[in-house]
Amino acid sequence: MGEMVAFRAKVNGRVQGVYYRAFTRQSADRLGIRGYARNLRDGSVEVYAEGDRKQLDRLLSDLKQGPPAARVDNVEITWLDYTGGYRDFSVTV
């Protein structure tokens, strides 16, 4: 395993109601990343993810693309310390 880190991302654009959170969970599961994705009131999606730095970089690439129906305008990222506090990746409301 490489460097273990975490990030919180706020994804802006057309990202609610377009399968974005489920897409994020599929990508995170494939990469072995833990955390969550949830809709925010302002129409954006918040993603908290933790795991291996290289895998998180791959997830970030996926977040910037999104599923076919989405339009990602901007991804604001804050890097954080790894906590190990999540067992899996979940989608919350």
C-alpha atoms as a PDB file:
ATOM      1  CA  MET A   1       0.000   0.000   0.000  1.00  0.00           C
ATOM      2  CA  GLY A   2       1.079   3.533  -0.733  1.00  0.00           C
ATOM      3  CA  GLU A   3       0.383   6.752   1.097  1.00  0.00           C
ATOM      4  CA  MET A   4      -3.013   6.705   2.816  1.00  0.00           C
ATOM      5  CA  VAL A   5      -4.867  10.026   2.584  1.00  0.00           C
ATOM      6  CA  ALA A   6      -8.385  11.450   2.276  1.00  0.00           C
ATOM      7  CA  PHE A   7     -10.161  14.243   0.482  1.00  0.00           C
ATOM      8  CA  ARG A   8     -13.459  16.076   0.520  1.00  0.00           C
ATOM      9  CA  ALA A   9     -14.682  17.201  -2.888  1.00  0.00           C
ATOM     10  CA  LYS A  10     -17.581  19.451  -3.847  1.00  0.00           C
ATOM     11  CA  VAL A  11     -18.726  18.685  -7.380  1.00  0.00           C
ATOM     12  CA  ASN A  12     -20.655  21.419  -9.185  1.00  0.00           C
ATOM     13  CA  GLY A  13     -22.644  21.164 -12.415  1.00  0.00           C
ATOM     14  CA  ARG A  14     -25.527  18.930 -13.457  1.00  0.00           C
ATOM     15  CA  VAL A  15     -24.733  16.229 -10.903  1.00  0.00           C
ATOM     16  CA  GLN A  16     -28.036  15.527  -9.129  1.00  0.00           C
ATOM     17  CA  GLY A  17     -30.627  13.227 -10.643  1.00  0.00           C
ATOM     18  CA  VAL A  18     -28.169  11.889 -13.238  1.00  0.00           C
ATOM     19  CA  TYR A  19     -26.813   8.774 -11.455  1.00  0.00           C
ATOM     20  CA  TYR A  20     -23.711  10.694 -10.261  1.00  0.00           C
ATOM     21  CA  ARG A  21     -23.611   9.329  -6.684  1.00  0.00           C
ATOM     22  CA  ALA A  22     -24.107   5.725  -7.840  1.00  0.00           C
ATOM     23  CA  PHE A  23     -21.426   6.236 -10.503  1.00  0.00           C
ATOM     24  CA  THR A  24     -19.092   7.525  -7.769  1.00  0.00           C
ATOM     25  CA  ARG A  25     -19.809   4.514  -5.553  1.00  0.00           C
ATOM     26  CA  GLN A  26     -19.095   2.086  -8.409  1.00  0.00           C
ATOM     27  CA  SER A  27     -15.796   3.812  -9.115  1.00  0.00           C
ATOM     28  CA  ALA A  28     -14.842   3.901  -5.418  1.00  0.00           C
ATOM     29  CA  ASP A  29     -15.731   0.214  -4.961  1.00  0.00           C
ATOM     30  CA  ARG A  30     -13.636  -0.726  -7.998  1.00  0.00           C
ATOM     31  CA  LEU A  31     -10.675   1.240  -6.606  1.00  0.00           C
ATOM     32  CA  GLY A  32     -10.985   0.045  -2.997  1.00  0.00           C
ATOM     33  CA  ILE A  33     -11.848   3.520  -1.676  1.00  0.00           C
ATOM     34  CA  ARG A  34     -14.033   4.162   1.363  1.00  0.00           C
ATOM     35  CA  GLY A  35     -16.229   7.134   2.264  1.00  0.00           C
ATOM     36  CA  TYR A  36     -19.494   8.554   0.962  1.00  0.00           C
ATOM     37  CA  ALA A  37     -21.243  10.683  -1.654  1.00  0.00           C
ATOM     38  CA  ARG A  38     -24.248  12.856  -0.863  1.00  0.00           C
ATOM     39  CA  ASN A  39     -26.356  15.557  -2.479  1.00  0.00           C
ATOM     40  CA  LEU A  40     -26.105  19.060  -1.061  1.00  0.00           C
ATOM     41  CA  ARG A  41     -28.944  21.603  -0.984  1.00  0.00           C
ATOM     42  CA  ASP A  42     -27.217  23.900  -3.479  1.00  0.00           C
ATOM     43  CA  GLY A  43     -27.413  21.236  -6.220  1.00  0.00           C
ATOM     44  CA  SER A  44     -23.840  20.025  -5.836  1.00  0.00           C
ATOM     45  CA  VAL A  45     -22.560  16.639  -4.650  1.00  0.00           C
ATOM     46  CA  GLU A  46     -20.136  16.207  -1.752  1.00  0.00           C
ATOM     47  CA  VAL A  47     -17.723  13.277  -1.883  1.00  0.00           C
ATOM     48  CA  TYR A  48     -15.590  12.204   1.064  1.00  0.00           C
ATOM     49  CA  ALA A  49     -13.074   9.548   0.090  1.00  0.00           C
ATOM     50  CA  GLU A  50     -10.123   7.901   1.782  1.00  0.00           C
ATOM     51  CA  GLY A  51      -7.600   5.313   0.741  1.00  0.00           C
ATOM     52  CA  ASP A  52      -4.401   4.938  -1.238  1.00  0.00           C
ATOM     53  CA  ARG A  53      -3.271   8.240  -2.818  1.00  0.00           C
ATOM     54  CA  LYS A  54      -2.889   6.730  -6.326  1.00  0.00           C
ATOM     55  CA  GLN A  55      -6.389   5.255  -6.186  1.00  0.00           C
ATOM     56  CA  LEU A  56      -7.801   8.581  -4.943  1.00  0.00           C
ATOM     57  CA  ASP A  57      -6.177  10.322  -7.909  1.00  0.00           C
ATOM     58  CA  ARG A  58      -7.975   7.842 -10.191  1.00  0.00           C
ATOM     59  CA  LEU A  59     -11.275   8.520  -8.416  1.00  0.00           C
ATOM     60  CA  LEU A  60     -10.737  12.262  -8.902  1.00  0.00           C
ATOM     61  CA  SER A  61     -10.353  11.674 -12.633  1.00  0.00           C
ATOM     62  CA  ASP A  62     -13.664   9.805 -12.620  1.00  0.00           C
ATOM     63  CA  LEU A  63     -15.345  12.570 -10.584  1.00  0.00           C
ATOM     64  CA  LYS A  64     -14.300  15.150 -13.165  1.00  0.00           C
ATOM     65  CA  GLN A  65     -15.865  13.020 -15.934  1.00  0.00           C
ATOM     66  CA  GLY A  66     -19.032  11.769 -14.264  1.00  0.00           C
ATOM     67  CA  PRO A  67     -21.620   9.471 -15.852  1.00  0.00           C
ATOM     68  CA  PRO A  68     -22.925  10.194 -19.381  1.00  0.00           C
ATOM     69  CA  ALA A  69     -25.936  12.290 -18.290  1.00  0.00           C
ATOM     70  CA  ALA A  70     -23.898  14.516 -15.948  1.00  0.00           C
ATOM     71  CA  ARG A  71     -22.112  17.765 -16.684  1.00  0.00           C
ATOM     72  CA  VAL A  72     -19.269  18.500 -14.281  1.00  0.00           C
ATOM     73  CA  ASP A  73     -18.380  22.199 -14.208  1.00  0.00           C
ATOM     74  CA  ASN A  74     -15.998  22.260 -11.262  1.00  0.00           C
ATOM     75  CA  VAL A  75     -14.528  20.005  -8.563  1.00  0.00           C
ATOM     76  CA  GLU A  76     -13.269  21.735  -5.401  1.00  0.00           C
ATOM     77  CA  ILE A  77     -10.901  19.462  -3.473  1.00  0.00           C
ATOM     78  CA  THR A  78      -9.611  19.648   0.083  1.00  0.00           C
ATOM     79  CA  TRP A  79      -6.960  17.061   0.999  1.00  0.00           C
ATOM     80  CA  LEU A  80      -7.259  15.680   4.529  1.00  0.00           C
ATOM     81  CA  ASP A  81      -5.564  13.225   6.866  1.00  0.00           C
ATOM     82  CA  TYR A  82      -6.603   9.571   6.574  1.00  0.00           C
ATOM     83  CA  THR A  83      -8.891   8.490   9.433  1.00  0.00           C
ATOM     84  CA  GLY A  84      -9.734   4.862   8.663  1.00  0.00           C
ATOM     85  CA  GLY A  85     -13.227   5.591   9.930  1.00  0.00           C
ATOM     86  CA  TYR A  86     -15.198   4.034   7.035  1.00  0.00           C
ATOM     87  CA  ARG A  87     -15.767   0.377   6.220  1.00  0.00           C
ATOM     88  CA  ASP A  88     -17.094   0.929   2.686  1.00  0.00           C
ATOM     89  CA  PHE A  89     -18.309   3.599   0.296  1.00  0.00           C
ATOM     90  CA  SER A  90     -21.930   4.646   0.736  1.00  0.00           C
ATOM     91  CA  VAL A  91     -24.440   6.888  -0.956  1.00  0.00           C
ATOM     92  CA  THR A  92     -26.389   9.059   1.466  1.00  0.00           C
ATOM     93  CA  VAL A  93     -29.223  11.508   0.945  1.00  0.00           C
END
